Amino acid sequence: MDVSAKAAKAAKATLDLNKLTEAQVKKYQSVRTRYVRGLLDQNPDIKQIMEMTEFYELKYNAFVASYEKATEGWDAADIEAKKTKMFKHDEKSYRISTGTQAKDKTQNFRQIRTLMNKLIPSLQKSHEFGHKDISILRGQMALVLEMMDQNDPRRESIRAL
């Protein structure tokens, strides 16, 4: 994605998130967290940080090494042209674009979760992969409080949560 497309996507996601927050504040509308999560996932300016145990990090690094081996000798134009092609890792096929995102660490939460579930199927049945120290709901409340008038009677109740 070029810089102008990335900026346009981030601006639209930010604008849409602001509209949702404004609807909550001014129109007393409830907004499901899945919509907020979706907008956050669409914003390429929001960085995901992964903390992994050594076991998971070894699996992830092995995946990136397989990607690097598959794309050895390619320049950026080759990678872009072949992003829908597949490469193999542990007898499973992955798109070149998935490897590029993993190597560059540009995946959103859902993309990371999908990749890790494929790399380590046991994660699908566990709760080891998720958010740490923040939730979509907490972030959503912070956005609402930021936009809300200081004298709004709902403010105290929201802060208490």
Foldseek 3Di string as FASTA:
>chain_A
DDPVVLVVQQVVLVVVLLVVLCCCAPVVDDDDLVSVLVSLQSRLVDADDDDDDPVLVVLLVQLLVQLCVVQPPPDPVRLVVQQQPWTDDPNDIDGNVLSVCSVVRRHGLVSVVVVSCVSPVVVVVDDPDDDDPDDSVRVSLVSNLVPHDPPPPCNVVSVVD
